[in-house]
Amino acid sequence: MDLLLVFLQAVADLMPYAKMGAGIGAGIAVIGAGIGIGQIGGRAMDAIARQPEAVGDIRSNMIVSAALVEGVAFFAIVICLLIIL
């Protein structure tokens, strides 16, 4: 029983560090998603410049890829915010 109380006290003492880590994690998730979506858009524009007749296919693939990256970023942000609560 005493060991459990020691662990609970250690967790309570480290809570500010966990909140700081959650904030940093949310920031990294947002930055990573922004870079990823920027790369997707840039590569799609390069592909459209090379093959203008494939605009529809490239655009649809770009939107799906950007949505997947955005979904992962939202998931990471939610997990980080749950740590804070």
C-alpha atoms as a PDB file:
ATOM      1  CA  MET A   1       0.000   0.000   0.000  1.00  0.00           C
ATOM      2  CA  ASP A   2       2.838   2.378   0.826  1.00  0.00           C
ATOM      3  CA  LEU A   3       4.470   1.751  -2.547  1.00  0.00           C
ATOM      4  CA  LEU A   4       1.261   2.796  -4.315  1.00  0.00           C
ATOM      5  CA  LEU A   5       1.171   6.047  -2.362  1.00  0.00           C
ATOM      6  CA  VAL A   6       4.792   6.732  -3.289  1.00  0.00           C
ATOM      7  CA  PHE A   7       4.001   6.198  -6.990  1.00  0.00           C
ATOM      8  CA  LEU A   8       0.913   8.419  -6.813  1.00  0.00           C
ATOM      9  CA  GLN A   9       2.932  11.175  -5.141  1.00  0.00           C
ATOM     10  CA  ALA A  10       5.657  10.885  -7.803  1.00  0.00           C
ATOM     11  CA  VAL A  11       3.055  11.177 -10.563  1.00  0.00           C
ATOM     12  CA  ALA A  12       1.483  14.208  -8.898  1.00  0.00           C
ATOM     13  CA  ASP A  13       4.898  15.862  -8.604  1.00  0.00           C
ATOM     14  CA  LEU A  14       5.633  15.326 -12.309  1.00  0.00           C
ATOM     15  CA  MET A  15       2.271  16.622 -13.606  1.00  0.00           C
ATOM     16  CA  PRO A  16       3.613  20.069 -14.651  1.00  0.00           C
ATOM     17  CA  TYR A  17       6.245  18.344 -16.799  1.00  0.00           C
ATOM     18  CA  ALA A  18       3.582  16.168 -18.396  1.00  0.00           C
ATOM     19  CA  LYS A  19       1.520  19.243 -19.266  1.00  0.00           C
ATOM     20  CA  MET A  20       4.554  20.960 -20.743  1.00  0.00           C
ATOM     21  CA  GLY A  21       5.335  17.850 -22.770  1.00  0.00           C
ATOM     22  CA  ALA A  22       1.749  17.692 -24.014  1.00  0.00           C
ATOM     23  CA  GLY A  23       1.942  21.305 -25.188  1.00  0.00           C
ATOM     24  CA  ILE A  24       5.223  20.693 -26.976  1.00  0.00           C
ATOM     25  CA  GLY A  25       3.794  17.534 -28.549  1.00  0.00           C
ATOM     26  CA  ALA A  26       0.744  19.405 -29.847  1.00  0.00           C
ATOM     27  CA  GLY A  27       2.994  22.067 -31.333  1.00  0.00           C
ATOM     28  CA  ILE A  28       5.189  19.498 -33.058  1.00  0.00           C
ATOM     29  CA  ALA A  29       2.092  17.751 -34.451  1.00  0.00           C
ATOM     30  CA  VAL A  30       0.809  21.006 -35.949  1.00  0.00           C
ATOM     31  CA  ILE A  31       4.193  21.921 -37.415  1.00  0.00           C
ATOM     32  CA  GLY A  32       4.625  18.449 -38.891  1.00  0.00           C
ATOM     33  CA  ALA A  33       1.171  18.520 -40.455  1.00  0.00           C
ATOM     34  CA  GLY A  34       1.825  21.943 -41.959  1.00  0.00           C
ATOM     35  CA  ILE A  35       5.091  20.789 -43.487  1.00  0.00           C
ATOM     36  CA  GLY A  36       3.475  17.607 -44.781  1.00  0.00           C
ATOM     37  CA  ILE A  37       0.527  19.335 -46.394  1.00  0.00           C
ATOM     38  CA  GLY A  38       2.875  21.920 -47.908  1.00  0.00           C
ATOM     39  CA  GLN A  39       4.986  19.156 -49.421  1.00  0.00           C
ATOM     40  CA  ILE A  40       1.873  17.464 -50.820  1.00  0.00           C
ATOM     41  CA  GLY A  41       0.673  20.712 -52.406  1.00  0.00           C
ATOM     42  CA  GLY A  42       4.083  21.555 -53.855  1.00  0.00           C
ATOM     43  CA  ARG A  43       4.593  18.126 -55.341  1.00  0.00           C
ATOM     44  CA  ALA A  44       1.092  18.174 -56.782  1.00  0.00           C
ATOM     45  CA  MET A  45       1.773  21.502 -58.495  1.00  0.00           C
ATOM     46  CA  ASP A  46       4.998  20.076 -59.943  1.00  0.00           C
ATOM     47  CA  ALA A  47       3.097  17.048 -61.232  1.00  0.00           C
ATOM     48  CA  ILE A  48       0.367  19.224 -62.773  1.00  0.00           C
ATOM     49  CA  ALA A  49       3.024  21.379 -64.459  1.00  0.00           C
ATOM     50  CA  ARG A  50       4.542  18.261 -66.008  1.00  0.00           C
ATOM     51  CA  GLN A  51       1.247  16.627 -67.030  1.00  0.00           C
ATOM     52  CA  PRO A  52      -1.569  19.177 -67.324  1.00  0.00           C
ATOM     53  CA  GLU A  53      -3.962  16.556 -68.712  1.00  0.00           C
ATOM     54  CA  ALA A  54      -3.888  14.647 -65.390  1.00  0.00           C
ATOM     55  CA  VAL A  55      -5.150  17.536 -63.260  1.00  0.00           C
ATOM     56  CA  GLY A  56      -8.254  15.707 -62.009  1.00  0.00           C
ATOM     57  CA  ASP A  57      -6.441  12.599 -60.833  1.00  0.00           C
ATOM     58  CA  ILE A  58      -3.615  14.548 -59.233  1.00  0.00           C
ATOM     59  CA  ARG A  59      -6.017  16.899 -57.459  1.00  0.00           C
ATOM     60  CA  SER A  60      -8.120  14.078 -56.029  1.00  0.00           C
ATOM     61  CA  ASN A  61      -5.043  12.206 -54.811  1.00  0.00           C
ATOM     62  CA  MET A  62      -3.702  15.418 -53.290  1.00  0.00           C
ATOM     63  CA  ILE A  63      -6.938  16.059 -51.383  1.00  0.00           C
ATOM     64  CA  VAL A  64      -7.070  12.506 -50.035  1.00  0.00           C
ATOM     65  CA  SER A  65      -3.427  12.638 -48.940  1.00  0.00           C
ATOM     66  CA  ALA A  66      -3.841  16.036 -47.284  1.00  0.00           C
ATOM     67  CA  ALA A  67      -6.957  14.811 -45.461  1.00  0.00           C
ATOM     68  CA  LEU A  68      -5.067  11.803 -44.109  1.00  0.00           C
ATOM     69  CA  VAL A  69      -2.211  13.980 -42.860  1.00  0.00           C
ATOM     70  CA  GLU A  70      -4.680  16.392 -41.287  1.00  0.00           C
ATOM     71  CA  GLY A  71      -6.539  13.539 -39.615  1.00  0.00           C
ATOM     72  CA  VAL A  72      -3.360  12.218 -38.032  1.00  0.00           C
ATOM     73  CA  ALA A  73      -2.512  15.722 -36.816  1.00  0.00           C
ATOM     74  CA  PHE A  74      -5.941  16.158 -35.236  1.00  0.00           C
ATOM     75  CA  PHE A  75      -5.579  12.775 -33.538  1.00  0.00           C
ATOM     76  CA  ALA A  76      -2.175  13.790 -32.119  1.00  0.00           C
ATOM     77  CA  ILE A  77      -3.524  17.113 -30.882  1.00  0.00           C
ATOM     78  CA  VAL A  78      -6.481  15.447 -29.165  1.00  0.00           C
ATOM     79  CA  ILE A  79      -4.191  12.969 -27.435  1.00  0.00           C
ATOM     80  CA  CYS A  80      -1.953  15.826 -26.256  1.00  0.00           C
ATOM     81  CA  LEU A  81      -4.953  17.773 -24.958  1.00  0.00           C
ATOM     82  CA  LEU A  82      -6.240  14.703 -23.112  1.00  0.00           C
ATOM     83  CA  ILE A  83      -2.920  14.497 -21.289  1.00  0.00           C
ATOM     84  CA  ILE A  84      -3.424  18.044 -20.036  1.00  0.00           C
ATOM     85  CA  LEU A  85      -6.836  17.240 -18.566  1.00  0.00           C
END
